[in-house]
Amino acid sequence: MDYITTIEMSKIWGISSRRIFLLCSQGRVQQNMTQKDLSAKTGITQADISRIENGTRNPSLSMVKKLAQGLGMQLKLEFVPMPTKNKM
């Protein structure tokens, strides 16, 4: 499985891993869904969902996709140009 580091997550997605964890947790709570409910919808263990939400586990891209689908959301990744450095 392809796990990504917190630094890679920030570089790839332009968002901190903590923000992703908060979005997952908030989305789940807003839908009155328990971690166990989300686990049943995604096939990701409740323990792993807890670790992801607490920031002690960096999920693979596959896991993030499953979480988004389980929450009835769409995961959107974008490739955008890197900012250019001004040469002096």
PDB file of N, CA and C in Angstrom:
ATOM      1  N   MET A   1       0.845  -1.180   0.000  1.00  0.00           N
ATOM      2  CA  MET A   1       0.000   0.000   0.000  1.00  0.00           C
ATOM      3  C   MET A   1       0.886   1.239   0.000  1.00  0.00           C
ATOM      4  N   ASP A   2       0.479   2.285  -0.674  1.00  0.00           N
ATOM      5  CA  ASP A   2       1.297   3.475  -0.826  1.00  0.00           C
ATOM      6  C   ASP A   2       0.940   4.547   0.203  1.00  0.00           C
ATOM      7  N   TYR A   3       1.621   4.520   1.327  1.00  0.00           N
ATOM      8  CA  TYR A   3       1.379   5.514   2.360  1.00  0.00           C
ATOM      9  C   TYR A   3       2.174   6.757   2.047  1.00  0.00           C
ATOM     10  N   ILE A   4       1.608   7.901   2.382  1.00  0.00           N
ATOM     11  CA  ILE A   4       2.326   9.132   2.144  1.00  0.00           C
ATOM     12  C   ILE A   4       2.590   9.826   3.464  1.00  0.00           C
ATOM     13  N   THR A   5       3.670  10.555   3.511  1.00  0.00           N
ATOM     14  CA  THR A   5       4.030  11.243   4.742  1.00  0.00           C
ATOM     15  C   THR A   5       3.231  12.533   4.868  1.00  0.00           C
ATOM     16  N   THR A   6       3.256  13.098   6.054  1.00  0.00           N
ATOM     17  CA  THR A   6       2.566  14.360   6.306  1.00  0.00           C
ATOM     18  C   THR A   6       3.104  15.449   5.393  1.00  0.00           C
ATOM     19  N   ILE A   7       4.409  15.478   5.184  1.00  0.00           N
ATOM     20  CA  ILE A   7       5.016  16.491   4.320  1.00  0.00           C
ATOM     21  C   ILE A   7       4.562  16.290   2.880  1.00  0.00           C
ATOM     22  N   GLU A   8       4.551  15.042   2.421  1.00  0.00           N
ATOM     23  CA  GLU A   8       4.095  14.759   1.060  1.00  0.00           C
ATOM     24  C   GLU A   8       2.625  15.154   0.889  1.00  0.00           C
ATOM     25  N   MET A   9       1.812  14.886   1.908  1.00  0.00           N
ATOM     26  CA  MET A   9       0.396  15.215   1.855  1.00  0.00           C
ATOM     27  C   MET A   9       0.223  16.717   1.666  1.00  0.00           C
ATOM     28  N   SER A  10       0.998  17.479   2.390  1.00  0.00           N
ATOM     29  CA  SER A  10       0.921  18.925   2.285  1.00  0.00           C
ATOM     30  C   SER A  10       1.371  19.407   0.909  1.00  0.00           C
ATOM     31  N   LYS A  11       2.453  18.819   0.407  1.00  0.00           N
ATOM     32  CA  LYS A  11       2.961  19.217  -0.917  1.00  0.00           C
ATOM     33  C   LYS A  11       2.002  18.814  -2.027  1.00  0.00           C
ATOM     34  N   ILE A  12       1.483  17.593  -1.976  1.00  0.00           N
ATOM     35  CA  ILE A  12       0.617  17.077  -3.031  1.00  0.00           C
ATOM     36  C   ILE A  12      -0.743  17.757  -3.009  1.00  0.00           C
ATOM     37  N   TRP A  13      -1.340  17.856  -1.856  1.00  0.00           N
ATOM     38  CA  TRP A  13      -2.712  18.339  -1.771  1.00  0.00           C
ATOM     39  C   TRP A  13      -2.825  19.817  -1.407  1.00  0.00           C
ATOM     40  N   GLY A  14      -1.712  20.432  -1.017  1.00  0.00           N
ATOM     41  CA  GLY A  14      -1.762  21.838  -0.629  1.00  0.00           C
ATOM     42  C   GLY A  14      -2.575  22.059   0.631  1.00  0.00           C
ATOM     43  N   ILE A  15      -2.650  21.026   1.438  1.00  0.00           N
ATOM     44  CA  ILE A  15      -3.441  21.086   2.668  1.00  0.00           C
ATOM     45  C   ILE A  15      -2.701  20.264   3.719  1.00  0.00           C
ATOM     46  N   SER A  16      -2.757  20.713   4.938  1.00  0.00           N
ATOM     47  CA  SER A  16      -2.059  19.973   5.986  1.00  0.00           C
ATOM     48  C   SER A  16      -2.803  18.682   6.300  1.00  0.00           C
ATOM     49  N   SER A  17      -2.066  17.688   6.732  1.00  0.00           N
ATOM     50  CA  SER A  17      -2.698  16.421   7.085  1.00  0.00           C
ATOM     51  C   SER A  17      -3.687  16.622   8.225  1.00  0.00           C
ATOM     52  N   ARG A  18      -3.380  17.510   9.138  1.00  0.00           N
ATOM     53  CA  ARG A  18      -4.287  17.769  10.261  1.00  0.00           C
ATOM     54  C   ARG A  18      -5.636  18.272   9.740  1.00  0.00           C
ATOM     55  N   ARG A  19      -5.595  19.101   8.710  1.00  0.00           N
ATOM     56  CA  ARG A  19      -6.828  19.621   8.122  1.00  0.00           C
ATOM     57  C   ARG A  19      -7.638  18.490   7.495  1.00  0.00           C
ATOM     58  N   ILE A  20      -6.968  17.565   6.840  1.00  0.00           N
ATOM     59  CA  ILE A  20      -7.663  16.415   6.251  1.00  0.00           C
ATOM     60  C   ILE A  20      -8.305  15.589   7.348  1.00  0.00           C
ATOM     61  N   PHE A  21      -7.585  15.382   8.438  1.00  0.00           N
ATOM     62  CA  PHE A  21      -8.122  14.592   9.545  1.00  0.00           C
ATOM     63  C   PHE A  21      -9.355  15.282  10.139  1.00  0.00           C
ATOM     64  N   LEU A  22      -9.278  16.612  10.266  1.00  0.00           N
ATOM     65  CA  LEU A  22     -10.415  17.355  10.808  1.00  0.00           C
ATOM     66  C   LEU A  22     -11.622  17.289   9.872  1.00  0.00           C
ATOM     67  N   LEU A  23     -11.370  17.410   8.574  1.00  0.00           N
ATOM     68  CA  LEU A  23     -12.468  17.336   7.610  1.00  0.00           C
ATOM     69  C   LEU A  23     -13.159  15.980   7.659  1.00  0.00           C
ATOM     70  N   CYS A  24     -12.383  14.933   7.799  1.00  0.00           N
ATOM     71  CA  CYS A  24     -12.940  13.580   7.893  1.00  0.00           C
ATOM     72  C   CYS A  24     -13.811  13.464   9.140  1.00  0.00           C
ATOM     73  N   SER A  25     -13.274  13.878  10.263  1.00  0.00           N
ATOM     74  CA  SER A  25     -13.996  13.784  11.526  1.00  0.00           C
ATOM     75  C   SER A  25     -15.252  14.649  11.503  1.00  0.00           C
ATOM     76  N   GLN A  26     -15.116  15.890  11.029  1.00  0.00           N
ATOM     77  CA  GLN A  26     -16.270  16.793  10.985  1.00  0.00           C
ATOM     78  C   GLN A  26     -17.352  16.269  10.042  1.00  0.00           C
ATOM     79  N   GLY A  27     -16.948  15.755   8.889  1.00  0.00           N
ATOM     80  CA  GLY A  27     -17.914  15.206   7.941  1.00  0.00           C
ATOM     81  C   GLY A  27     -18.684  14.042   8.537  1.00  0.00           C
ATOM     82  N   ARG A  28     -17.973  13.211   9.264  1.00  0.00           N
ATOM     83  CA  ARG A  28     -18.596  12.045   9.897  1.00  0.00           C
ATOM     84  C   ARG A  28     -19.582  12.482  10.972  1.00  0.00           C
ATOM     85  N   VAL A  29     -19.168  13.418  11.820  1.00  0.00           N
ATOM     86  CA  VAL A  29     -20.025  13.886  12.917  1.00  0.00           C
ATOM     87  C   VAL A  29     -21.246  14.628  12.371  1.00  0.00           C
ATOM     88  N   GLN A  30     -21.051  15.443  11.325  1.00  0.00           N
ATOM     89  CA  GLN A  30     -22.178  16.182  10.737  1.00  0.00           C
ATOM     90  C   GLN A  30     -23.249  15.246  10.188  1.00  0.00           C
ATOM     91  N   GLN A  31     -22.836  14.055   9.808  1.00  0.00           N
ATOM     92  CA  GLN A  31     -23.784  13.077   9.269  1.00  0.00           C
ATOM     93  C   GLN A  31     -24.284  12.118  10.349  1.00  0.00           C
ATOM     94  N   ASN A  32     -24.006  12.448  11.605  1.00  0.00           N
ATOM     95  CA  ASN A  32     -24.403  11.602  12.726  1.00  0.00           C
ATOM     96  C   ASN A  32     -23.930  10.168  12.533  1.00  0.00           C
ATOM     97  N   MET A  33     -22.708  10.033  12.062  1.00  0.00           N
ATOM     98  CA  MET A  33     -22.140   8.727  11.772  1.00  0.00           C
ATOM     99  C   MET A  33     -21.045   8.429  12.798  1.00  0.00           C
ATOM    100  N   THR A  34     -21.049   7.231  13.322  1.00  0.00           N
ATOM    101  CA  THR A  34     -19.982   6.834  14.234  1.00  0.00           C
ATOM    102  C   THR A  34     -18.793   6.318  13.415  1.00  0.00           C
ATOM    103  N   GLN A  35     -17.675   6.172  14.073  1.00  0.00           N
ATOM    104  CA  GLN A  35     -16.515   5.583  13.404  1.00  0.00           C
ATOM    105  C   GLN A  35     -16.849   4.165  12.952  1.00  0.00           C
ATOM    106  N   LYS A  36     -17.632   3.466  13.744  1.00  0.00           N
ATOM    107  CA  LYS A  36     -18.036   2.108  13.391  1.00  0.00           C
ATOM    108  C   LYS A  36     -18.902   2.117  12.126  1.00  0.00           C
ATOM    109  N   ASP A  37     -19.813   3.097  12.011  1.00  0.00           N
ATOM    110  CA  ASP A  37     -20.642   3.233  10.810  1.00  0.00           C
ATOM    111  C   ASP A  37     -19.770   3.473   9.578  1.00  0.00           C
ATOM    112  N   LEU A  38     -18.816   4.392   9.721  1.00  0.00           N
ATOM    113  CA  LEU A  38     -17.927   4.710   8.602  1.00  0.00           C
ATOM    114  C   LEU A  38     -17.066   3.504   8.239  1.00  0.00           C
ATOM    115  N   SER A  39     -16.658   2.768   9.248  1.00  0.00           N
ATOM    116  CA  SER A  39     -15.886   1.551   9.016  1.00  0.00           C
ATOM    117  C   SER A  39     -16.682   0.557   8.172  1.00  0.00           C
ATOM    118  N   ALA A  40     -17.958   0.400   8.500  1.00  0.00           N
ATOM    119  CA  ALA A  40     -18.815  -0.538   7.760  1.00  0.00           C
ATOM    120  C   ALA A  40     -18.990  -0.101   6.303  1.00  0.00           C
ATOM    121  N   LYS A  41     -19.033   1.209   6.068  1.00  0.00           N
ATOM    122  CA  LYS A  41     -19.211   1.719   4.706  1.00  0.00           C
ATOM    123  C   LYS A  41     -17.933   1.651   3.873  1.00  0.00           C
ATOM    124  N   THR A  42     -16.775   1.690   4.534  1.00  0.00           N
ATOM    125  CA  THR A  42     -15.510   1.813   3.803  1.00  0.00           C
ATOM    126  C   THR A  42     -14.643   0.561   3.811  1.00  0.00           C
ATOM    127  N   GLY A  43     -14.865  -0.302   4.788  1.00  0.00           N
ATOM    128  CA  GLY A  43     -13.983  -1.457   4.934  1.00  0.00           C
ATOM    129  C   GLY A  43     -12.689  -1.120   5.662  1.00  0.00           C
ATOM    130  N   ILE A  44     -12.567   0.112   6.132  1.00  0.00           N
ATOM    131  CA  ILE A  44     -11.413   0.533   6.928  1.00  0.00           C
ATOM    132  C   ILE A  44     -11.767   0.274   8.388  1.00  0.00           C
ATOM    133  N   THR A  45     -10.852  -0.308   9.128  1.00  0.00           N
ATOM    134  CA  THR A  45     -11.183  -0.642  10.511  1.00  0.00           C
ATOM    135  C   THR A  45     -11.487   0.609  11.329  1.00  0.00           C
ATOM    136  N   GLN A  46     -12.312   0.435  12.341  1.00  0.00           N
ATOM    137  CA  GLN A  46     -12.644   1.547  13.239  1.00  0.00           C
ATOM    138  C   GLN A  46     -11.387   2.067  13.904  1.00  0.00           C
ATOM    139  N   ALA A  47     -10.475   1.172  14.242  1.00  0.00           N
ATOM    140  CA  ALA A  47      -9.224   1.587  14.885  1.00  0.00           C
ATOM    141  C   ALA A  47      -8.410   2.484  13.955  1.00  0.00           C
ATOM    142  N   ASP A  48      -8.352   2.127  12.672  1.00  0.00           N
ATOM    143  CA  ASP A  48      -7.621   2.961  11.712  1.00  0.00           C
ATOM    144  C   ASP A  48      -8.302   4.312  11.509  1.00  0.00           C
ATOM    145  N   ILE A  49      -9.622   4.329  11.476  1.00  0.00           N
ATOM    146  CA  ILE A  49     -10.340   5.604  11.347  1.00  0.00           C
ATOM    147  C   ILE A  49     -10.033   6.484  12.546  1.00  0.00           C
ATOM    148  N   SER A  50     -10.013   5.910  13.729  1.00  0.00           N
ATOM    149  CA  SER A  50      -9.677   6.661  14.930  1.00  0.00           C
ATOM    150  C   SER A  50      -8.259   7.233  14.832  1.00  0.00           C
ATOM    151  N   ARG A  51      -7.321   6.422  14.384  1.00  0.00           N
ATOM    152  CA  ARG A  51      -5.933   6.883  14.249  1.00  0.00           C
ATOM    153  C   ARG A  51      -5.817   7.991  13.208  1.00  0.00           C
ATOM    154  N   ILE A  52      -6.533   7.858  12.114  1.00  0.00           N
ATOM    155  CA  ILE A  52      -6.511   8.890  11.071  1.00  0.00           C
ATOM    156  C   ILE A  52      -7.064  10.197  11.626  1.00  0.00           C
ATOM    157  N   GLU A  53      -8.204  10.118  12.297  1.00  0.00           N
ATOM    158  CA  GLU A  53      -8.826  11.320  12.851  1.00  0.00           C
ATOM    159  C   GLU A  53      -7.971  11.964  13.936  1.00  0.00           C
ATOM    160  N   ASN A  54      -7.197  11.168  14.651  1.00  0.00           N
ATOM    161  CA  ASN A  54      -6.340  11.693  15.706  1.00  0.00           C
ATOM    162  C   ASN A  54      -4.966  12.113  15.191  1.00  0.00           C
ATOM    163  N   GLY A  55      -4.719  11.864  13.921  1.00  0.00           N
ATOM    164  CA  GLY A  55      -3.455  12.283  13.330  1.00  0.00           C
ATOM    165  C   GLY A  55      -2.281  11.383  13.640  1.00  0.00           C
ATOM    166  N   THR A  56      -2.553  10.177  14.112  1.00  0.00           N
ATOM    167  CA  THR A  56      -1.459   9.256  14.428  1.00  0.00           C
ATOM    168  C   THR A  56      -1.251   8.235  13.319  1.00  0.00           C
ATOM    169  N   ARG A  57      -2.035   8.340  12.268  1.00  0.00           N
ATOM    170  CA  ARG A  57      -1.889   7.443  11.121  1.00  0.00           C
ATOM    171  C   ARG A  57      -2.049   8.245   9.852  1.00  0.00           C
ATOM    172  N   ASN A  58      -1.089   8.139   8.957  1.00  0.00           N
ATOM    173  CA  ASN A  58      -1.207   8.772   7.656  1.00  0.00           C
ATOM    174  C   ASN A  58      -1.828   7.768   6.701  1.00  0.00           C
ATOM    175  N   PRO A  59      -2.994   8.099   6.164  1.00  0.00           N
ATOM    176  CA  PRO A  59      -3.663   7.155   5.277  1.00  0.00           C
ATOM    177  C   PRO A  59      -3.043   7.147   3.887  1.00  0.00           C
ATOM    178  N   SER A  60      -3.228   6.058   3.191  1.00  0.00           N
ATOM    179  CA  SER A  60      -2.841   6.001   1.784  1.00  0.00           C
ATOM    180  C   SER A  60      -3.875   6.787   0.993  1.00  0.00           C
ATOM    181  N   LEU A  61      -3.545   7.084  -0.233  1.00  0.00           N
ATOM    182  CA  LEU A  61      -4.491   7.775  -1.100  1.00  0.00           C
ATOM    183  C   LEU A  61      -5.749   6.928  -1.269  1.00  0.00           C
ATOM    184  N   SER A  62      -5.577   5.622  -1.363  1.00  0.00           N
ATOM    185  CA  SER A  62      -6.705   4.711  -1.482  1.00  0.00           C
ATOM    186  C   SER A  62      -7.640   4.824  -0.278  1.00  0.00           C
ATOM    187  N   MET A  63      -7.063   4.936   0.909  1.00  0.00           N
ATOM    188  CA  MET A  63      -7.888   5.066   2.117  1.00  0.00           C
ATOM    189  C   MET A  63      -8.643   6.392   2.128  1.00  0.00           C
ATOM    190  N   VAL A  64      -7.978   7.457   1.705  1.00  0.00           N
ATOM    191  CA  VAL A  64      -8.637   8.766   1.679  1.00  0.00           C
ATOM    192  C   VAL A  64      -9.811   8.733   0.698  1.00  0.00           C
ATOM    193  N   LYS A  65      -9.628   8.068  -0.443  1.00  0.00           N
ATOM    194  CA  LYS A  65     -10.717   7.926  -1.413  1.00  0.00           C
ATOM    195  C   LYS A  65     -11.893   7.173  -0.796  1.00  0.00           C
ATOM    196  N   LYS A  66     -11.595   6.078  -0.096  1.00  0.00           N
ATOM    197  CA  LYS A  66     -12.655   5.288   0.540  1.00  0.00           C
ATOM    198  C   LYS A  66     -13.388   6.102   1.597  1.00  0.00           C
ATOM    199  N   LEU A  67     -12.644   6.884   2.373  1.00  0.00           N
ATOM    200  CA  LEU A  67     -13.267   7.722   3.401  1.00  0.00           C
ATOM    201  C   LEU A  67     -14.195   8.748   2.759  1.00  0.00           C
ATOM    202  N   ALA A  68     -13.725   9.385   1.700  1.00  0.00           N
ATOM    203  CA  ALA A  68     -14.562  10.376   1.010  1.00  0.00           C
ATOM    204  C   ALA A  68     -15.837   9.728   0.504  1.00  0.00           C
ATOM    205  N   GLN A  69     -15.712   8.568  -0.138  1.00  0.00           N
ATOM    206  CA  GLN A  69     -16.897   7.869  -0.654  1.00  0.00           C
ATOM    207  C   GLN A  69     -17.831   7.468   0.474  1.00  0.00           C
ATOM    208  N   GLY A  70     -17.266   6.979   1.570  1.00  0.00           N
ATOM    209  CA  GLY A  70     -18.083   6.578   2.712  1.00  0.00           C
ATOM    210  C   GLY A  70     -18.837   7.738   3.337  1.00  0.00           C
ATOM    211  N   LEU A  71     -18.290   8.945   3.162  1.00  0.00           N
ATOM    212  CA  LEU A  71     -18.930  10.151   3.679  1.00  0.00           C
ATOM    213  C   LEU A  71     -19.841  10.802   2.635  1.00  0.00           C
ATOM    214  N   GLY A  72     -19.979  10.142   1.491  1.00  0.00           N
ATOM    215  CA  GLY A  72     -20.821  10.690   0.430  1.00  0.00           C
ATOM    216  C   GLY A  72     -20.205  11.910  -0.222  1.00  0.00           C
ATOM    217  N   MET A  73     -18.880  11.955  -0.235  1.00  0.00           N
ATOM    218  CA  MET A  73     -18.164  13.095  -0.806  1.00  0.00           C
ATOM    219  C   MET A  73     -17.267  12.636  -1.941  1.00  0.00           C
ATOM    220  N   GLN A  74     -16.792  13.594  -2.682  1.00  0.00           N
ATOM    221  CA  GLN A  74     -15.884  13.333  -3.785  1.00  0.00           C
ATOM    222  C   GLN A  74     -14.517  13.876  -3.415  1.00  0.00           C
ATOM    223  N   LEU A  75     -13.496  13.080  -3.616  1.00  0.00           N
ATOM    224  CA  LEU A  75     -12.132  13.528  -3.383  1.00  0.00           C
ATOM    225  C   LEU A  75     -11.649  14.223  -4.639  1.00  0.00           C
ATOM    226  N   LYS A  76     -11.113  15.419  -4.481  1.00  0.00           N
ATOM    227  CA  LYS A  76     -10.654  16.177  -5.634  1.00  0.00           C
ATOM    228  C   LYS A  76      -9.180  16.505  -5.448  1.00  0.00           C
ATOM    229  N   LEU A  77      -8.375  16.018  -6.369  1.00  0.00           N
ATOM    230  CA  LEU A  77      -6.956  16.341  -6.393  1.00  0.00           C
ATOM    231  C   LEU A  77      -6.691  17.163  -7.637  1.00  0.00           C
ATOM    232  N   GLU A  78      -5.807  18.114  -7.522  1.00  0.00           N
ATOM    233  CA  GLU A  78      -5.495  18.943  -8.670  1.00  0.00           C
ATOM    234  C   GLU A  78      -3.996  19.020  -8.879  1.00  0.00           C
ATOM    235  N   PHE A  79      -3.602  19.082 -10.123  1.00  0.00           N
ATOM    236  CA  PHE A  79      -2.229  19.385 -10.466  1.00  0.00           C
ATOM    237  C   PHE A  79      -2.221  20.847 -10.895  1.00  0.00           C
ATOM    238  N   VAL A  80      -1.503  21.651 -10.174  1.00  0.00           N
ATOM    239  CA  VAL A  80      -1.437  23.073 -10.494  1.00  0.00           C
ATOM    240  C   VAL A  80       0.025  23.465 -10.677  1.00  0.00           C
ATOM    241  N   PRO A  81       0.269  24.480 -11.490  1.00  0.00           N
ATOM    242  CA  PRO A  81       1.654  24.897 -11.710  1.00  0.00           C
ATOM    243  C   PRO A  81       2.308  25.360 -10.408  1.00  0.00           C
ATOM    244  N   MET A  82       3.574  25.057 -10.303  1.00  0.00           N
ATOM    245  CA  MET A  82       4.351  25.509  -9.158  1.00  0.00           C
ATOM    246  C   MET A  82       4.604  27.006  -9.321  1.00  0.00           C
ATOM    247  N   PRO A  83       4.621  27.739  -8.226  1.00  0.00           N
ATOM    248  CA  PRO A  83       4.950  29.167  -8.346  1.00  0.00           C
ATOM    249  C   PRO A  83       6.395  29.309  -8.827  1.00  0.00           C
ATOM    250  N   THR A  84       6.609  30.258  -9.690  1.00  0.00           N
ATOM    251  CA  THR A  84       7.957  30.483 -10.189  1.00  0.00           C
ATOM    252  C   THR A  84       8.709  31.407  -9.257  1.00  0.00           C
ATOM    253  N   LYS A  85       9.987  31.144  -9.108  1.00  0.00           N
ATOM    254  CA  LYS A  85      10.826  31.996  -8.265  1.00  0.00           C
ATOM    255  C   LYS A  85      11.395  33.110  -9.118  1.00  0.00           C
ATOM    256  N   ASN A  86      11.353  34.300  -8.589  1.00  0.00           N
ATOM    257  CA  ASN A  86      11.931  35.443  -9.301  1.00  0.00           C
ATOM    258  C   ASN A  86      13.439  35.371  -9.200  1.00  0.00           C
ATOM    259  N   LYS A  87      14.080  35.396 -10.334  1.00  0.00           N
ATOM    260  CA  LYS A  87      15.550  35.370 -10.352  1.00  0.00           C
ATOM    261  C   LYS A  87      16.057  36.790 -10.413  1.00  0.00           C
ATOM    262  N   MET A  88      16.990  37.095  -9.564  1.00  0.00           N
ATOM    263  CA  MET A  88      17.549  38.454  -9.524  1.00  0.00           C
ATOM    264  C   MET A  88      18.970  38.446  -9.979  1.00  0.00           C
TER     265      MET A  88
END
